[in-house]
Amino acid sequence: MGKVAKGIKCSVIGCDKEAERSLSSQRASLSSSLKLSLDSRQVYLCKDHYKIWKKETKEIREIERSRWE
């Protein structure tokens, strides 16, 4: 059982919601608007902040995927 299933909180500063997803801190730092506490290698995001991260990094992720095709 992972930390998300156990009920870890979101890693965004000021957010107390439960996390829905986990990302590496390197991938999470691609977003400029999220103020993250980068204490460990993993970052945990709630549903709302994950949606923001996805919107901000959409173009970057598409470019990364196209390199593998």
PDB file of N, CA and C in Angstrom:
ATOM      1  N   MET A   1       0.839  -1.172   0.000  1.00  0.00           N
ATOM      2  CA  MET A   1       0.000   0.000   0.000  1.00  0.00           C
ATOM      3  C   MET A   1       0.886   1.238   0.000  1.00  0.00           C
ATOM      4  N   GLY A   2       0.603   2.168  -0.873  1.00  0.00           N
ATOM      5  CA  GLY A   2       1.412   3.367  -0.989  1.00  0.00           C
ATOM      6  C   GLY A   2       0.969   4.475  -0.052  1.00  0.00           C
ATOM      7  N   LYS A   3       1.710   5.562  -0.072  1.00  0.00           N
ATOM      8  CA  LYS A   3       1.423   6.681   0.820  1.00  0.00           C
ATOM      9  C   LYS A   3       0.123   7.386   0.451  1.00  0.00           C
ATOM     10  N   VAL A   4      -0.206   7.436  -0.847  1.00  0.00           N
ATOM     11  CA  VAL A   4      -1.441   8.084  -1.275  1.00  0.00           C
ATOM     12  C   VAL A   4      -2.641   7.330  -0.713  1.00  0.00           C
ATOM     13  N   ALA A   5      -2.597   6.018  -0.771  1.00  0.00           N
ATOM     14  CA  ALA A   5      -3.695   5.208  -0.248  1.00  0.00           C
ATOM     15  C   ALA A   5      -3.803   5.326   1.271  1.00  0.00           C
ATOM     16  N   LYS A   6      -2.709   5.623   1.926  1.00  0.00           N
ATOM     17  CA  LYS A   6      -2.724   5.764   3.383  1.00  0.00           C
ATOM     18  C   LYS A   6      -3.245   7.127   3.822  1.00  0.00           C
ATOM     19  N   GLY A   7      -3.358   8.080   2.891  1.00  0.00           N
ATOM     20  CA  GLY A   7      -3.943   9.376   3.237  1.00  0.00           C
ATOM     21  C   GLY A   7      -2.955  10.489   3.463  1.00  0.00           C
ATOM     22  N   ILE A   8      -1.850  10.521   2.722  1.00  0.00           N
ATOM     23  CA  ILE A   8      -0.875  11.601   2.852  1.00  0.00           C
ATOM     24  C   ILE A   8      -1.475  12.899   2.313  1.00  0.00           C
ATOM     25  N   LYS A   9      -1.045  14.013   2.857  1.00  0.00           N
ATOM     26  CA  LYS A   9      -1.570  15.327   2.460  1.00  0.00           C
ATOM     27  C   LYS A   9      -0.830  15.861   1.237  1.00  0.00           C
ATOM     28  N   CYS A  10      -1.443  16.815   0.571  1.00  0.00           N
ATOM     29  CA  CYS A  10      -0.887  17.464  -0.620  1.00  0.00           C
ATOM     30  C   CYS A  10       0.400  18.203  -0.258  1.00  0.00           C
ATOM     31  N   SER A  11       1.380  18.198  -1.171  1.00  0.00           N
ATOM     32  CA  SER A  11       2.687  18.819  -0.917  1.00  0.00           C
ATOM     33  C   SER A  11       2.726  20.303  -1.255  1.00  0.00           C
ATOM     34  N   VAL A  12       1.621  20.861  -1.737  1.00  0.00           N
ATOM     35  CA  VAL A  12       1.577  22.288  -2.041  1.00  0.00           C
ATOM     36  C   VAL A  12       1.452  23.048  -0.724  1.00  0.00           C
ATOM     37  N   ILE A  13       2.248  24.090  -0.580  1.00  0.00           N
ATOM     38  CA  ILE A  13       2.260  24.871   0.653  1.00  0.00           C
ATOM     39  C   ILE A  13       0.897  25.529   0.847  1.00  0.00           C
ATOM     40  N   GLY A  14       0.286  25.286   1.996  1.00  0.00           N
ATOM     41  CA  GLY A  14      -1.002  25.878   2.329  1.00  0.00           C
ATOM     42  C   GLY A  14      -2.196  25.001   2.001  1.00  0.00           C
ATOM     43  N   CYS A  15      -1.986  23.842   1.423  1.00  0.00           N
ATOM     44  CA  CYS A  15      -3.078  22.942   1.055  1.00  0.00           C
ATOM     45  C   CYS A  15      -3.126  21.790   2.057  1.00  0.00           C
ATOM     46  N   ASP A  16      -4.320  21.503   2.583  1.00  0.00           N
ATOM     47  CA  ASP A  16      -4.476  20.434   3.563  1.00  0.00           C
ATOM     48  C   ASP A  16      -5.326  19.286   3.037  1.00  0.00           C
ATOM     49  N   LYS A  17      -5.578  19.252   1.733  1.00  0.00           N
ATOM     50  CA  LYS A  17      -6.383  18.176   1.162  1.00  0.00           C
ATOM     51  C   LYS A  17      -5.548  16.901   1.044  1.00  0.00           C
ATOM     52  N   GLU A  18      -6.250  15.774   0.935  1.00  0.00           N
ATOM     53  CA  GLU A  18      -5.543  14.503   0.767  1.00  0.00           C
ATOM     54  C   GLU A  18      -5.043  14.370  -0.663  1.00  0.00           C
ATOM     55  N   ALA A  19      -3.877  13.762  -0.819  1.00  0.00           N
ATOM     56  CA  ALA A  19      -3.251  13.616  -2.132  1.00  0.00           C
ATOM     57  C   ALA A  19      -3.963  12.552  -2.955  1.00  0.00           C
ATOM     58  N   GLU A  20      -4.001  12.766  -4.269  1.00  0.00           N
ATOM     59  CA  GLU A  20      -4.577  11.813  -5.215  1.00  0.00           C
ATOM     60  C   GLU A  20      -3.494  11.170  -6.073  1.00  0.00           C
ATOM     61  N   ARG A  21      -2.422  11.908  -6.332  1.00  0.00           N
ATOM     62  CA  ARG A  21      -1.348  11.442  -7.218  1.00  0.00           C
ATOM     63  C   ARG A  21       0.005  11.747  -6.613  1.00  0.00           C
ATOM     64  N   SER A  22       1.006  11.001  -7.050  1.00  0.00           N
ATOM     65  CA  SER A  22       2.378  11.293  -6.652  1.00  0.00           C
ATOM     66  C   SER A  22       3.226  11.453  -7.904  1.00  0.00           C
ATOM     67  N   LEU A  23       4.166  12.365  -7.843  1.00  0.00           N
ATOM     68  CA  LEU A  23       5.085  12.642  -8.948  1.00  0.00           C
ATOM     69  C   LEU A  23       6.493  12.754  -8.387  1.00  0.00           C
ATOM     70  N   SER A  24       7.463  12.621  -9.262  1.00  0.00           N
ATOM     71  CA  SER A  24       8.824  12.905  -8.821  1.00  0.00           C
ATOM     72  C   SER A  24       8.956  14.419  -8.652  1.00  0.00           C
ATOM     73  N   SER A  25       9.819  14.835  -7.764  1.00  0.00           N
ATOM     74  CA  SER A  25       9.975  16.269  -7.528  1.00  0.00           C
ATOM     75  C   SER A  25      10.521  16.975  -8.760  1.00  0.00           C
ATOM     76  N   GLN A  26      11.282  16.260  -9.584  1.00  0.00           N
ATOM     77  CA  GLN A  26      11.816  16.847 -10.809  1.00  0.00           C
ATOM     78  C   GLN A  26      10.690  17.167 -11.794  1.00  0.00           C
ATOM     79  N   ARG A  27       9.753  16.237 -11.977  1.00  0.00           N
ATOM     80  CA  ARG A  27       8.623  16.478 -12.878  1.00  0.00           C
ATOM     81  C   ARG A  27       7.685  17.529 -12.326  1.00  0.00           C
ATOM     82  N   ALA A  28       7.489  17.531 -11.027  1.00  0.00           N
ATOM     83  CA  ALA A  28       6.581  18.494 -10.413  1.00  0.00           C
ATOM     84  C   ALA A  28       7.123  19.912 -10.502  1.00  0.00           C
ATOM     85  N   SER A  29       8.433  20.066 -10.530  1.00  0.00           N
ATOM     86  CA  SER A  29       9.031  21.402 -10.592  1.00  0.00           C
ATOM     87  C   SER A  29       8.879  22.045 -11.964  1.00  0.00           C
ATOM     88  N   LEU A  30       8.358  21.326 -12.963  1.00  0.00           N
ATOM     89  CA  LEU A  30       8.113  21.916 -14.276  1.00  0.00           C
ATOM     90  C   LEU A  30       7.025  22.985 -14.213  1.00  0.00           C
ATOM     91  N   SER A  31       6.171  22.905 -13.236  1.00  0.00           N
ATOM     92  CA  SER A  31       5.111  23.892 -13.055  1.00  0.00           C
ATOM     93  C   SER A  31       5.662  25.073 -12.273  1.00  0.00           C
ATOM     94  N   SER A  32       5.416  26.269 -12.784  1.00  0.00           N
ATOM     95  CA  SER A  32       5.963  27.448 -12.127  1.00  0.00           C
ATOM     96  C   SER A  32       5.013  28.049 -11.095  1.00  0.00           C
ATOM     97  N   SER A  33       3.726  27.776 -11.186  1.00  0.00           N
ATOM     98  CA  SER A  33       2.784  28.422 -10.287  1.00  0.00           C
ATOM     99  C   SER A  33       2.565  27.670  -8.977  1.00  0.00           C
ATOM    100  N   LEU A  34       2.879  26.379  -8.925  1.00  0.00           N
ATOM    101  CA  LEU A  34       2.674  25.608  -7.703  1.00  0.00           C
ATOM    102  C   LEU A  34       3.855  25.801  -6.760  1.00  0.00           C
ATOM    103  N   LYS A  35       3.569  26.222  -5.545  1.00  0.00           N
ATOM    104  CA  LYS A  35       4.598  26.407  -4.515  1.00  0.00           C
ATOM    105  C   LYS A  35       4.687  25.109  -3.711  1.00  0.00           C
ATOM    106  N   LEU A  36       5.677  24.295  -4.043  1.00  0.00           N
ATOM    107  CA  LEU A  36       5.796  22.970  -3.466  1.00  0.00           C
ATOM    108  C   LEU A  36       6.835  22.935  -2.362  1.00  0.00           C
ATOM    109  N   SER A  37       6.602  22.077  -1.386  1.00  0.00           N
ATOM    110  CA  SER A  37       7.627  21.811  -0.381  1.00  0.00           C
ATOM    111  C   SER A  37       8.405  20.592  -0.865  1.00  0.00           C
ATOM    112  N   LEU A  38       9.585  20.822  -1.394  1.00  0.00           N
ATOM    113  CA  LEU A  38      10.396  19.774  -2.010  1.00  0.00           C
ATOM    114  C   LEU A  38      11.335  19.153  -0.981  1.00  0.00           C
ATOM    115  N   ASP A  39      10.756  18.531   0.032  1.00  0.00           N
ATOM    116  CA  ASP A  39      11.568  17.924   1.081  1.00  0.00           C
ATOM    117  C   ASP A  39      12.096  16.557   0.679  1.00  0.00           C
ATOM    118  N   SER A  40      11.357  15.859  -0.170  1.00  0.00           N
ATOM    119  CA  SER A  40      11.761  14.507  -0.544  1.00  0.00           C
ATOM    120  C   SER A  40      11.784  14.375  -2.062  1.00  0.00           C
ATOM    121  N   ARG A  41      12.046  13.166  -2.525  1.00  0.00           N
ATOM    122  CA  ARG A  41      12.102  12.926  -3.964  1.00  0.00           C
ATOM    123  C   ARG A  41      10.710  12.852  -4.580  1.00  0.00           C
ATOM    124  N   GLN A  42       9.704  12.536  -3.775  1.00  0.00           N
ATOM    125  CA  GLN A  42       8.335  12.434  -4.261  1.00  0.00           C
ATOM    126  C   GLN A  42       7.527  13.646  -3.835  1.00  0.00           C
ATOM    127  N   VAL A  43       6.600  14.069  -4.698  1.00  0.00           N
ATOM    128  CA  VAL A  43       5.682  15.159  -4.406  1.00  0.00           C
ATOM    129  C   VAL A  43       4.283  14.594  -4.547  1.00  0.00           C
ATOM    130  N   TYR A  44       3.425  14.945  -3.614  1.00  0.00           N
ATOM    131  CA  TYR A  44       2.057  14.440  -3.617  1.00  0.00           C
ATOM    132  C   TYR A  44       1.110  15.595  -3.885  1.00  0.00           C
ATOM    133  N   LEU A  45       0.179  15.388  -4.844  1.00  0.00           N
ATOM    134  CA  LEU A  45      -0.737  16.449  -5.244  1.00  0.00           C
ATOM    135  C   LEU A  45      -2.187  16.013  -5.073  1.00  0.00           C
ATOM    136  N   CYS A  46      -3.028  16.948  -4.605  1.00  0.00           N
ATOM    137  CA  CYS A  46      -4.458  16.687  -4.515  1.00  0.00           C
ATOM    138  C   CYS A  46      -5.049  16.800  -5.928  1.00  0.00           C
ATOM    139  N   LYS A  47      -6.309  16.504  -6.049  1.00  0.00           N
ATOM    140  CA  LYS A  47      -6.961  16.487  -7.355  1.00  0.00           C
ATOM    141  C   LYS A  47      -6.899  17.860  -8.035  1.00  0.00           C
ATOM    142  N   ASP A  48      -7.152  18.919  -7.272  1.00  0.00           N
ATOM    143  CA  ASP A  48      -7.166  20.274  -7.836  1.00  0.00           C
ATOM    144  C   ASP A  48      -5.782  20.709  -8.318  1.00  0.00           C
ATOM    145  N   HIS A  49      -4.758  20.455  -7.517  1.00  0.00           N
ATOM    146  CA  HIS A  49      -3.409  20.869  -7.902  1.00  0.00           C
ATOM    147  C   HIS A  49      -2.840  19.984  -9.011  1.00  0.00           C
ATOM    148  N   TYR A  50      -3.239  18.719  -9.050  1.00  0.00           N
ATOM    149  CA  TYR A  50      -2.814  17.853 -10.153  1.00  0.00           C
ATOM    150  C   TYR A  50      -3.389  18.349 -11.470  1.00  0.00           C
ATOM    151  N   LYS A  51      -4.633  18.821 -11.433  1.00  0.00           N
ATOM    152  CA  LYS A  51      -5.275  19.361 -12.637  1.00  0.00           C
ATOM    153  C   LYS A  51      -4.539  20.611 -13.125  1.00  0.00           C
ATOM    154  N   ILE A  52      -4.122  21.472 -12.204  1.00  0.00           N
ATOM    155  CA  ILE A  52      -3.344  22.666 -12.562  1.00  0.00           C
ATOM    156  C   ILE A  52      -2.007  22.257 -13.160  1.00  0.00           C
ATOM    157  N   TRP A  53      -1.327  21.288 -12.524  1.00  0.00           N
ATOM    158  CA  TRP A  53      -0.031  20.817 -13.020  1.00  0.00           C
ATOM    159  C   TRP A  53      -0.166  20.246 -14.422  1.00  0.00           C
ATOM    160  N   LYS A  54      -1.230  19.472 -14.662  1.00  0.00           N
ATOM    161  CA  LYS A  54      -1.440  18.871 -15.972  1.00  0.00           C
ATOM    162  C   LYS A  54      -1.628  19.932 -17.052  1.00  0.00           C
ATOM    163  N   LYS A  55      -2.403  20.975 -16.768  1.00  0.00           N
ATOM    164  CA  LYS A  55      -2.643  22.035 -17.742  1.00  0.00           C
ATOM    165  C   LYS A  55      -1.360  22.801 -18.061  1.00  0.00           C
ATOM    166  N   GLU A  56      -0.565  23.085 -17.035  1.00  0.00           N
ATOM    167  CA  GLU A  56       0.651  23.875 -17.242  1.00  0.00           C
ATOM    168  C   GLU A  56       1.743  23.107 -17.973  1.00  0.00           C
ATOM    169  N   THR A  57       1.780  21.802 -17.839  1.00  0.00           N
ATOM    170  CA  THR A  57       2.874  21.021 -18.422  1.00  0.00           C
ATOM    171  C   THR A  57       2.444  20.225 -19.647  1.00  0.00           C
ATOM    172  N   LYS A  58       1.286  20.534 -20.188  1.00  0.00           N
ATOM    173  CA  LYS A  58       0.757  19.761 -21.315  1.00  0.00           C
ATOM    174  C   LYS A  58       1.704  19.775 -22.516  1.00  0.00           C
ATOM    175  N   GLU A  59       2.189  20.936 -22.898  1.00  0.00           N
ATOM    176  CA  GLU A  59       3.062  21.037 -24.074  1.00  0.00           C
ATOM    177  C   GLU A  59       4.391  20.317 -23.836  1.00  0.00           C
ATOM    178  N   ILE A  60       4.940  20.453 -22.659  1.00  0.00           N
ATOM    179  CA  ILE A  60       6.213  19.805 -22.342  1.00  0.00           C
ATOM    180  C   ILE A  60       6.065  18.295 -22.402  1.00  0.00           C
ATOM    181  N   ARG A  61       4.976  17.779 -21.844  1.00  0.00           N
ATOM    182  CA  ARG A  61       4.752  16.340 -21.841  1.00  0.00           C
ATOM    183  C   ARG A  61       4.512  15.806 -23.248  1.00  0.00           C
ATOM    184  N   GLU A  62       3.836  16.577 -24.101  1.00  0.00           N
ATOM    185  CA  GLU A  62       3.627  16.160 -25.488  1.00  0.00           C
ATOM    186  C   GLU A  62       4.953  16.057 -26.249  1.00  0.00           C
ATOM    187  N   ILE A  63       5.840  17.012 -26.000  1.00  0.00           N
ATOM    188  CA  ILE A  63       7.162  16.982 -26.649  1.00  0.00           C
ATOM    189  C   ILE A  63       7.948  15.766 -26.185  1.00  0.00           C
ATOM    190  N   GLU A  64       7.891  15.465 -24.895  1.00  0.00           N
ATOM    191  CA  GLU A  64       8.587  14.282 -24.374  1.00  0.00           C
ATOM    192  C   GLU A  64       8.037  12.995 -24.990  1.00  0.00           C
ATOM    193  N   ARG A  65       6.732  12.909 -25.116  1.00  0.00           N
ATOM    194  CA  ARG A  65       6.131  11.714 -25.697  1.00  0.00           C
ATOM    195  C   ARG A  65       6.489  11.564 -27.155  1.00  0.00           C
ATOM    196  N   SER A  66       6.584  12.675 -27.886  1.00  0.00           N
ATOM    197  CA  SER A  66       6.877  12.596 -29.311  1.00  0.00           C
ATOM    198  C   SER A  66       8.315  12.119 -29.575  1.00  0.00           C
ATOM    199  N   ARG A  67       9.186  12.300 -28.606  1.00  0.00           N
ATOM    200  CA  ARG A  67      10.557  11.811 -28.779  1.00  0.00           C
ATOM    201  C   ARG A  67      10.618  10.301 -28.788  1.00  0.00           C
ATOM    202  N   TRP A  68       9.666   9.637 -28.167  1.00  0.00           N
ATOM    203  CA  TRP A  68       9.680   8.194 -28.066  1.00  0.00           C
ATOM    204  C   TRP A  68       8.988   7.507 -29.227  1.00  0.00           C
ATOM    205  N   GLU A  69       8.291   8.255 -30.044  1.00  0.00           N
ATOM    206  CA  GLU A  69       7.554   7.640 -31.166  1.00  0.00           C
ATOM    207  C   GLU A  69       8.412   7.485 -32.389  1.00  0.00           C
TER     208      GLU A  69
END
